[in-house]
Amino acid sequence: MTCMGCVNSVKNVLEKIPGVSNANVSLEQQQVTIEYDASRAHTDQFREAIKDAGFEVEN
């Protein structure tokens, strides 16, 4: 991620996933924190959504 547009793109794709209540994206730390209902969403979905939006997932 290189700009606030990237941050907003990642935040938007994550918050569209059913069960995600909040996604905080830090450009400075290159980190995402996600609040979600584990019975409705899974970490694999987050990785795929970020990749599908054109970004790399490191961990």
C-alpha atoms as a PDB file:
ATOM      1  CA  MET A   1       0.000   0.000   0.000  1.00  0.00           C
ATOM      2  CA  THR A   2       1.327   3.365  -0.952  1.00  0.00           C
ATOM      3  CA  CYS A   3      -1.466   5.892  -0.358  1.00  0.00           C
ATOM      4  CA  MET A   4      -4.727   6.627   1.418  1.00  0.00           C
ATOM      5  CA  GLY A   5      -6.577   5.409  -1.664  1.00  0.00           C
ATOM      6  CA  CYS A   6      -5.022   1.992  -1.086  1.00  0.00           C
ATOM      7  CA  VAL A   7      -6.021   2.113   2.576  1.00  0.00           C
ATOM      8  CA  ASN A   8      -9.617   2.945   1.657  1.00  0.00           C
ATOM      9  CA  SER A   9      -9.732   0.205  -0.985  1.00  0.00           C
ATOM     10  CA  VAL A  10      -8.563  -2.462   1.458  1.00  0.00           C
ATOM     11  CA  LYS A  11     -10.914  -1.213   4.186  1.00  0.00           C
ATOM     12  CA  ASN A  12     -13.888  -1.218   1.806  1.00  0.00           C
ATOM     13  CA  VAL A  13     -13.336  -4.735   0.449  1.00  0.00           C
ATOM     14  CA  LEU A  14     -12.899  -6.137   3.943  1.00  0.00           C
ATOM     15  CA  GLU A  15     -15.970  -4.427   5.369  1.00  0.00           C
ATOM     16  CA  LYS A  16     -18.097  -5.916   2.565  1.00  0.00           C
ATOM     17  CA  ILE A  17     -17.417  -9.420   3.886  1.00  0.00           C
ATOM     18  CA  PRO A  18     -20.406 -10.673   5.911  1.00  0.00           C
ATOM     19  CA  GLY A  19     -19.472 -10.849   9.581  1.00  0.00           C
ATOM     20  CA  VAL A  20     -16.853  -8.072   9.458  1.00  0.00           C
ATOM     21  CA  SER A  21     -17.872  -5.218  11.743  1.00  0.00           C
ATOM     22  CA  ASN A  22     -14.761  -3.057  11.373  1.00  0.00           C
ATOM     23  CA  ALA A  23     -11.452  -2.979   9.499  1.00  0.00           C
ATOM     24  CA  ASN A  24      -8.629  -0.652  10.521  1.00  0.00           C
ATOM     25  CA  VAL A  25      -5.868  -0.262   7.955  1.00  0.00           C
ATOM     26  CA  SER A  26      -2.539   1.380   8.835  1.00  0.00           C
ATOM     27  CA  LEU A  27      -0.519   2.706   5.913  1.00  0.00           C
ATOM     28  CA  GLU A  28       2.437   3.497   8.181  1.00  0.00           C
ATOM     29  CA  GLN A  29       2.577   0.023   9.735  1.00  0.00           C
ATOM     30  CA  GLN A  30       1.388  -1.815   6.604  1.00  0.00           C
ATOM     31  CA  GLN A  31      -1.053  -3.649   8.884  1.00  0.00           C
ATOM     32  CA  VAL A  32      -4.739  -4.467   9.015  1.00  0.00           C
ATOM     33  CA  THR A  33      -6.782  -5.129  12.162  1.00  0.00           C
ATOM     34  CA  ILE A  34     -10.200  -6.693  11.619  1.00  0.00           C
ATOM     35  CA  GLU A  35     -13.105  -7.044  14.042  1.00  0.00           C
ATOM     36  CA  TYR A  36     -15.347  -9.883  12.936  1.00  0.00           C
ATOM     37  CA  ASP A  37     -17.762 -12.621  13.941  1.00  0.00           C
ATOM     38  CA  ALA A  38     -15.757 -15.848  13.620  1.00  0.00           C
ATOM     39  CA  SER A  39     -18.946 -17.820  12.976  1.00  0.00           C
ATOM     40  CA  ARG A  40     -19.585 -15.757   9.816  1.00  0.00           C
ATOM     41  CA  ALA A  41     -16.131 -14.845   8.490  1.00  0.00           C
ATOM     42  CA  HIS A  42     -12.693 -16.465   8.301  1.00  0.00           C
ATOM     43  CA  THR A  43      -9.157 -15.179   7.864  1.00  0.00           C
ATOM     44  CA  ASP A  44      -8.828 -16.930   4.489  1.00  0.00           C
ATOM     45  CA  GLN A  45     -11.646 -14.711   3.201  1.00  0.00           C
ATOM     46  CA  PHE A  46      -9.721 -11.622   4.289  1.00  0.00           C
ATOM     47  CA  ARG A  47      -6.562 -12.707   2.510  1.00  0.00           C
ATOM     48  CA  GLU A  48      -8.447 -13.497  -0.693  1.00  0.00           C
ATOM     49  CA  ALA A  49     -10.358 -10.200  -0.635  1.00  0.00           C
ATOM     50  CA  ILE A  50      -7.133  -8.222  -0.234  1.00  0.00           C
ATOM     51  CA  LYS A  51      -5.413 -10.187  -3.014  1.00  0.00           C
ATOM     52  CA  ASP A  52      -8.439  -9.817  -5.307  1.00  0.00           C
ATOM     53  CA  ALA A  53      -8.250  -6.045  -4.756  1.00  0.00           C
ATOM     54  CA  GLY A  54      -4.697  -6.131  -6.130  1.00  0.00           C
ATOM     55  CA  PHE A  55      -2.646  -6.033  -2.941  1.00  0.00           C
ATOM     56  CA  GLU A  56      -0.120  -8.429  -1.430  1.00  0.00           C
ATOM     57  CA  VAL A  57      -0.657 -10.263   1.841  1.00  0.00           C
ATOM     58  CA  GLU A  58       2.525 -11.032   3.730  1.00  0.00           C
ATOM     59  CA  ASN A  59       1.245 -12.888   6.757  1.00  0.00           C
END
